[in-house]
PDB file of all heavy atoms in Angstrom:
ATOM      1  N   SER A   1      93.709  66.946 104.105  1.00  0.00           N
ATOM      2  CA  SER A   1      94.956  66.313 104.465  1.00  0.00           C
ATOM      3  C   SER A   1      95.406  65.186 103.733  1.00  0.00           C
ATOM      4  O   SER A   1      96.604  64.976 103.252  1.00  0.00           O
ATOM      5  CB  SER A   1      94.668  65.746 105.942  1.00  0.00           C
ATOM      6  OG  SER A   1      94.202  66.760 106.817  1.00  0.00           O
ATOM      7  N   LEU A   2      94.476  64.247 103.332  1.00  0.00           N
ATOM      8  CA  LEU A   2      94.851  62.970 102.623  1.00  0.00           C
ATOM      9  C   LEU A   2      93.692  62.475 101.822  1.00  0.00           C
ATOM     10  O   LEU A   2      92.562  62.457 102.150  1.00  0.00           O
ATOM     11  CB  LEU A   2      95.257  61.906 103.631  1.00  0.00           C
ATOM     12  CG  LEU A   2      95.480  60.484 103.208  1.00  0.00           C
ATOM     13  CD1 LEU A   2      96.838  60.542 102.395  1.00  0.00           C
ATOM     14  CD2 LEU A   2      95.700  59.576 104.359  1.00  0.00           C
ATOM     15  N   GLN A   3      94.012  62.073 100.561  1.00  0.00           N
ATOM     16  CA  GLN A   3      93.022  61.322  99.671  1.00  0.00           C
ATOM     17  C   GLN A   3      93.297  59.853  99.719  1.00  0.00           C
ATOM     18  O   GLN A   3      94.506  59.373  99.592  1.00  0.00           O
ATOM     19  CB  GLN A   3      93.105  61.825  98.297  1.00  0.00           C
ATOM     20  CG  GLN A   3      92.272  61.003  97.113  1.00  0.00           C
ATOM     21  CD  GLN A   3      92.405  61.595  95.899  1.00  0.00           C
ATOM     22  OE1 GLN A   3      92.505  62.780  95.569  1.00  0.00           O
ATOM     23  NE2 GLN A   3      92.268  60.718  94.943  1.00  0.00           N
ATOM     24  N   LEU A   4      92.330  59.122 100.062  1.00  0.00           N
ATOM     25  CA  LEU A   4      92.283  57.588  99.968  1.00  0.00           C
ATOM     26  C   LEU A   4      91.676  57.097  98.699  1.00  0.00           C
ATOM     27  O   LEU A   4      90.531  57.445  98.466  1.00  0.00           O
ATOM     28  CB  LEU A   4      91.657  57.040 101.338  1.00  0.00           C
ATOM     29  CG  LEU A   4      92.152  57.366 102.539  1.00  0.00           C
ATOM     30  CD1 LEU A   4      91.403  56.764 103.669  1.00  0.00           C
ATOM     31  CD2 LEU A   4      93.624  57.089 102.760  1.00  0.00           C
ATOM     32  N   SER A   5      92.305  56.247  97.896  1.00  0.00           N
ATOM     33  CA  SER A   5      91.769  55.703  96.626  1.00  0.00           C
ATOM     34  C   SER A   5      92.168  54.269  96.416  1.00  0.00           C
ATOM     35  O   SER A   5      93.108  53.831  97.118  1.00  0.00           O
ATOM     36  CB  SER A   5      92.229  56.621  95.497  1.00  0.00           C
ATOM     37  OG  SER A   5      91.763  57.916  95.606  1.00  0.00           O
ATOM     38  N   GLY A   6      91.572  53.749  95.499  1.00  0.00           N
ATOM     39  CA  GLY A   6      91.990  52.301  95.043  1.00  0.00           C
ATOM     40  C   GLY A   6      92.011  52.274  93.464  1.00  0.00           C
ATOM     41  O   GLY A   6      92.758  53.031  92.892  1.00  0.00           O
ATOM     42  N   HIS A   7      91.121  51.448  92.945  1.00  0.00           N
ATOM     43  CA  HIS A   7      90.805  51.459  91.484  1.00  0.00           C
ATOM     44  C   HIS A   7      92.009  50.856  90.606  1.00  0.00           C
ATOM     45  O   HIS A   7      91.733  50.150  89.547  1.00  0.00           O
ATOM     46  CB  HIS A   7      90.471  52.745  90.947  1.00  0.00           C
ATOM     47  CG  HIS A   7      89.919  52.821  89.467  1.00  0.00           C
ATOM     48  ND1 HIS A   7      88.863  52.008  89.098  1.00  0.00           N
ATOM     49  CD2 HIS A   7      90.320  53.551  88.433  1.00  0.00           C
ATOM     50  CE1 HIS A   7      88.684  52.314  87.894  1.00  0.00           C
ATOM     51  NE2 HIS A   7      89.443  53.226  87.438  1.00  0.00           N
ATOM     52  N   ALA A   8      93.270  51.174  90.994  1.00  0.00           N
ATOM     53  CA  ALA A   8      94.435  50.703  90.093  1.00  0.00           C
ATOM     54  C   ALA A   8      94.840  49.325  90.311  1.00  0.00           C
ATOM     55  O   ALA A   8      95.618  48.770  89.479  1.00  0.00           O
ATOM     56  CB  ALA A   8      95.523  51.634  90.403  1.00  0.00           C
ATOM     57  N   HIS A   9      94.371  48.484  91.280  1.00  0.00           N
ATOM     58  CA  HIS A   9      94.717  47.197  91.443  1.00  0.00           C
ATOM     59  C   HIS A   9      96.221  46.906  91.607  1.00  0.00           C
ATOM     60  O   HIS A   9      96.727  45.846  91.191  1.00  0.00           O
ATOM     61  CB  HIS A   9      94.044  46.244  90.376  1.00  0.00           C
ATOM     62  CG  HIS A   9      92.595  46.282  90.337  1.00  0.00           C
ATOM     63  ND1 HIS A   9      91.919  45.391  89.611  1.00  0.00           N
ATOM     64  CD2 HIS A   9      91.619  47.023  90.914  1.00  0.00           C
ATOM     65  CE1 HIS A   9      90.650  45.709  89.761  1.00  0.00           C
ATOM     66  NE2 HIS A   9      90.528  46.687  90.512  1.00  0.00           N
ATOM     67  N   GLY A  10      96.896  47.925  91.983  1.00  0.00           N
ATOM     68  CA  GLY A  10      98.364  47.817  92.150  1.00  0.00           C
ATOM     69  C   GLY A  10      99.129  47.717  90.882  1.00  0.00           C
ATOM     70  O   GLY A  10     100.288  47.281  90.775  1.00  0.00           O
ATOM     71  N   GLY A  11      98.448  48.000  89.719  1.00  0.00           N
ATOM     72  CA  GLY A  11      99.070  47.786  88.405  1.00  0.00           C
ATOM     73  C   GLY A  11      99.171  46.339  87.948  1.00  0.00           C
ATOM     74  O   GLY A  11      99.802  46.058  86.932  1.00  0.00           O
ATOM     75  N   GLN A  12      98.496  45.472  88.724  1.00  0.00           N
ATOM     76  CA  GLN A  12      98.367  44.024  88.491  1.00  0.00           C
ATOM     77  C   GLN A  12      99.656  43.288  88.465  1.00  0.00           C
ATOM     78  O   GLN A  12      99.795  42.369  89.228  1.00  0.00           O
ATOM     79  CB  GLN A  12      97.698  43.870  87.017  1.00  0.00           C
ATOM     80  CG  GLN A  12      96.251  44.311  86.924  1.00  0.00           C
ATOM     81  CD  GLN A  12      95.324  43.453  87.788  1.00  0.00           C
ATOM     82  OE1 GLN A  12      94.228  44.034  88.171  1.00  0.00           O
ATOM     83  NE2 GLN A  12      95.640  42.296  88.185  1.00  0.00           N
ATOM     84  N   ILE A  13     100.678  43.597  87.577  1.00  0.00           N
ATOM     85  CA  ILE A  13     101.996  42.912  87.534  1.00  0.00           C
ATOM     86  C   ILE A  13     103.071  43.887  87.964  1.00  0.00           C
ATOM     87  O   ILE A  13     103.327  44.825  87.185  1.00  0.00           O
ATOM     88  CB  ILE A  13     102.170  42.362  86.098  1.00  0.00           C
ATOM     89  CG1 ILE A  13     101.131  41.430  85.738  1.00  0.00           C
ATOM     90  CG2 ILE A  13     103.587  41.670  86.005  1.00  0.00           C
ATOM     91  CD1 ILE A  13     101.129  40.911  84.289  1.00  0.00           C
ATOM     92  N   ARG A  14     103.584  43.643  89.112  1.00  0.00           N
ATOM     93  CA  ARG A  14     104.610  44.589  89.623  1.00  0.00           C
ATOM     94  C   ARG A  14     106.128  44.128  89.535  1.00  0.00           C
ATOM     95  O   ARG A  14     106.962  44.763  90.113  1.00  0.00           O
ATOM     96  CB  ARG A  14     104.244  44.989  91.114  1.00  0.00           C
ATOM     97  CG  ARG A  14     102.873  45.551  91.330  1.00  0.00           C
ATOM     98  CD  ARG A  14     102.629  45.967  92.698  1.00  0.00           C
ATOM     99  NE  ARG A  14     103.455  46.993  93.266  1.00  0.00           N
ATOM    100  CZ  ARG A  14     103.283  48.265  93.054  1.00  0.00           C
ATOM    101  NH1 ARG A  14     102.189  48.711  92.318  1.00  0.00           N
ATOM    102  NH2 ARG A  14     104.096  49.201  93.572  1.00  0.00           N
ATOM    103  N   PHE A  15     106.275  43.053  88.821  1.00  0.00           N
ATOM    104  CA  PHE A  15     107.645  42.692  88.570  1.00  0.00           C
ATOM    105  C   PHE A  15     107.728  42.316  87.077  1.00  0.00           C
ATOM    106  O   PHE A  15     106.858  41.496  86.611  1.00  0.00           O
ATOM    107  CB  PHE A  15     108.127  41.568  89.364  1.00  0.00           C
ATOM    108  CG  PHE A  15     109.420  41.028  88.896  1.00  0.00           C
ATOM    109  CD1 PHE A  15     110.572  41.661  89.573  1.00  0.00           C
ATOM    110  CD2 PHE A  15     109.655  39.954  88.082  1.00  0.00           C
ATOM    111  CE1 PHE A  15     111.823  41.198  89.318  1.00  0.00           C
ATOM    112  CE2 PHE A  15     110.975  39.570  87.811  1.00  0.00           C
ATOM    113  CZ  PHE A  15     112.017  40.163  88.438  1.00  0.00           C
ATOM    114  N   PRO A  16     108.642  42.984  86.286  1.00  0.00           N
ATOM    115  CA  PRO A  16     109.761  43.862  86.777  1.00  0.00           C
ATOM    116  C   PRO A  16     109.311  45.361  86.689  1.00  0.00           C
ATOM    117  O   PRO A  16     110.090  46.179  86.551  1.00  0.00           O
ATOM    118  CB  PRO A  16     110.846  43.582  85.701  1.00  0.00           C
ATOM    119  CG  PRO A  16     110.106  43.261  84.443  1.00  0.00           C
ATOM    120  CD  PRO A  16     108.775  42.643  84.871  1.00  0.00           C
ATOM    121  N   PHE A  17     108.068  45.682  86.744  1.00  0.00           N
ATOM    122  CA  PHE A  17     107.534  46.956  86.499  1.00  0.00           C
ATOM    123  C   PHE A  17     107.184  47.482  87.968  1.00  0.00           C
ATOM    124  O   PHE A  17     106.236  47.181  88.641  1.00  0.00           O
ATOM    125  CB  PHE A  17     106.316  47.107  85.770  1.00  0.00           C
ATOM    126  CG  PHE A  17     106.323  46.174  84.539  1.00  0.00           C
ATOM    127  CD1 PHE A  17     105.740  44.933  84.440  1.00  0.00           C
ATOM    128  CD2 PHE A  17     107.064  46.613  83.439  1.00  0.00           C
ATOM    129  CE1 PHE A  17     105.799  44.106  83.239  1.00  0.00           C
ATOM    130  CE2 PHE A  17     107.070  45.915  82.257  1.00  0.00           C
ATOM    131  CZ  PHE A  17     106.541  44.665  82.140  1.00  0.00           C
ATOM    132  N   PRO A  18     108.074  48.440  88.618  1.00  0.00           N
ATOM    133  CA  PRO A  18     107.897  48.861  89.943  1.00  0.00           C
ATOM    134  C   PRO A  18     106.607  49.493  90.335  1.00  0.00           C
ATOM    135  O   PRO A  18     106.181  49.337  91.462  1.00  0.00           O
ATOM    136  CB  PRO A  18     109.138  49.921  90.240  1.00  0.00           C
ATOM    137  CG  PRO A  18     109.439  50.361  88.754  1.00  0.00           C
ATOM    138  CD  PRO A  18     109.160  49.187  87.886  1.00  0.00           C
ATOM    139  N   GLN A  19     105.950  50.091  89.331  1.00  0.00           N
ATOM    140  CA  GLN A  19     104.631  50.768  89.564  1.00  0.00           C
ATOM    141  C   GLN A  19     103.473  49.943  88.909  1.00  0.00           C
ATOM    142  O   GLN A  19     102.305  50.329  88.924  1.00  0.00           O
ATOM    143  CB  GLN A  19     104.548  52.243  89.106  1.00  0.00           C
ATOM    144  CG  GLN A  19     105.165  53.139  89.931  1.00  0.00           C
ATOM    145  CD  GLN A  19     104.572  53.250  91.391  1.00  0.00           C
ATOM    146  OE1 GLN A  19     103.386  53.092  91.534  1.00  0.00           O
ATOM    147  NE2 GLN A  19     105.365  53.462  92.352  1.00  0.00           N
ATOM    148  N   GLY A  20     103.816  48.800  88.406  1.00  0.00           N
ATOM    149  CA  GLY A  20     102.842  47.936  87.758  1.00  0.00           C
ATOM    150  C   GLY A  20     102.799  48.117  86.268  1.00  0.00           C
ATOM    151  O   GLY A  20     103.380  49.172  85.707  1.00  0.00           O
ATOM    152  N   LEU A  21     102.079  47.117  85.639  1.00  0.00           N
ATOM    153  CA  LEU A  21     102.096  47.170  84.195  1.00  0.00           C
ATOM    154  C   LEU A  21     100.809  47.974  83.592  1.00  0.00           C
ATOM    155  O   LEU A  21     101.071  48.778  82.671  1.00  0.00           O
ATOM    156  CB  LEU A  21     101.917  45.673  83.640  1.00  0.00           C
ATOM    157  CG  LEU A  21     101.794  45.495  82.175  1.00  0.00           C
ATOM    158  CD1 LEU A  21     103.049  46.073  81.344  1.00  0.00           C
ATOM    159  CD2 LEU A  21     101.592  44.033  81.871  1.00  0.00           C
ATOM    160  N   ILE A  22      99.678  47.794  84.192  1.00  0.00           N
ATOM    161  CA  ILE A  22      98.541  48.455  83.656  1.00  0.00           C
ATOM    162  C   ILE A  22      97.526  48.722  84.745  1.00  0.00           C
ATOM    163  O   ILE A  22      97.448  47.960  85.712  1.00  0.00           O
ATOM    164  CB  ILE A  22      97.921  47.543  82.532  1.00  0.00           C
ATOM    165  CG1 ILE A  22      96.787  48.332  81.739  1.00  0.00           C
ATOM    166  CG2 ILE A  22      97.343  46.129  83.196  1.00  0.00           C
ATOM    167  CD1 ILE A  22      96.285  47.472  80.570  1.00  0.00           C
ATOM    168  N   ALA A  23      96.749  49.813  84.605  1.00  0.00           N
ATOM    169  CA  ALA A  23      95.680  50.202  85.533  1.00  0.00           C
ATOM    170  C   ALA A  23      94.533  50.803  84.938  1.00  0.00           C
ATOM    171  O   ALA A  23      94.715  51.521  83.964  1.00  0.00           O
ATOM    172  CB  ALA A  23      96.314  51.041  86.564  1.00  0.00           C
ATOM    173  N   PRO A  24      93.334  50.476  85.322  1.00  0.00           N
ATOM    174  CA  PRO A  24      92.224  51.171  84.742  1.00  0.00           C
ATOM    175  C   PRO A  24      92.244  52.674  84.935  1.00  0.00           C
ATOM    176  O   PRO A  24      92.512  53.112  86.080  1.00  0.00           O
ATOM    177  CB  PRO A  24      90.941  50.525  85.441  1.00  0.00           C
ATOM    178  CG  PRO A  24      91.533  49.926  86.716  1.00  0.00           C
ATOM    179  CD  PRO A  24      92.947  49.516  86.358  1.00  0.00           C
ATOM    180  N   GLY A  25      92.014  53.440  83.989  1.00  0.00           N
ATOM    181  CA  GLY A  25      91.979  54.870  84.107  1.00  0.00           C
ATOM    182  C   GLY A  25      93.390  55.565  83.852  1.00  0.00           C
ATOM    183  O   GLY A  25      93.506  56.706  83.566  1.00  0.00           O
ATOM    184  N   GLN A  26      94.422  54.658  83.831  1.00  0.00           N
ATOM    185  CA  GLN A  26      95.725  55.146  83.683  1.00  0.00           C
ATOM    186  C   GLN A  26      96.521  54.468  82.617  1.00  0.00           C
ATOM    187  O   GLN A  26      97.553  54.973  82.103  1.00  0.00           O
ATOM    188  CB  GLN A  26      96.613  55.023  84.966  1.00  0.00           C
ATOM    189  CG  GLN A  26      96.019  55.846  86.139  1.00  0.00           C
ATOM    190  CD  GLN A  26      96.853  55.646  87.367  1.00  0.00           C
ATOM    191  OE1 GLN A  26      97.959  56.203  87.490  1.00  0.00           O
ATOM    192  NE2 GLN A  26      96.353  54.983  88.379  1.00  0.00           N
ATOM    193  N   GLY A  27      96.031  53.294  82.121  1.00  0.00           N
ATOM    194  CA  GLY A  27      96.651  52.648  81.075  1.00  0.00           C
ATOM    195  C   GLY A  27      97.972  51.947  81.462  1.00  0.00           C
ATOM    196  O   GLY A  27      98.244  51.530  82.476  1.00  0.00           O
ATOM    197  N   LEU A  28      98.919  51.898  80.422  1.00  0.00           N
ATOM    198  CA  LEU A  28     100.162  51.139  80.634  1.00  0.00           C
ATOM    199  C   LEU A  28     101.083  51.969  81.474  1.00  0.00           C
ATOM    200  O   LEU A  28     101.142  53.153  81.356  1.00  0.00           O
ATOM    201  CB  LEU A  28     100.812  50.847  79.279  1.00  0.00           C
ATOM    202  CG  LEU A  28     100.137  49.810  78.461  1.00  0.00           C
ATOM    203  CD1 LEU A  28     100.753  49.711  76.959  1.00  0.00           C
ATOM    204  CD2 LEU A  28     100.245  48.383  79.063  1.00  0.00           C
TER     205      LEU A  28
END
């Protein structure tokens, strides 16, 4: 039904980047 996860810390800086600037495992 649903996967629950974290790790990305919201992309750290979410303005002016709607999905965030950087995340571990995903980069910029």
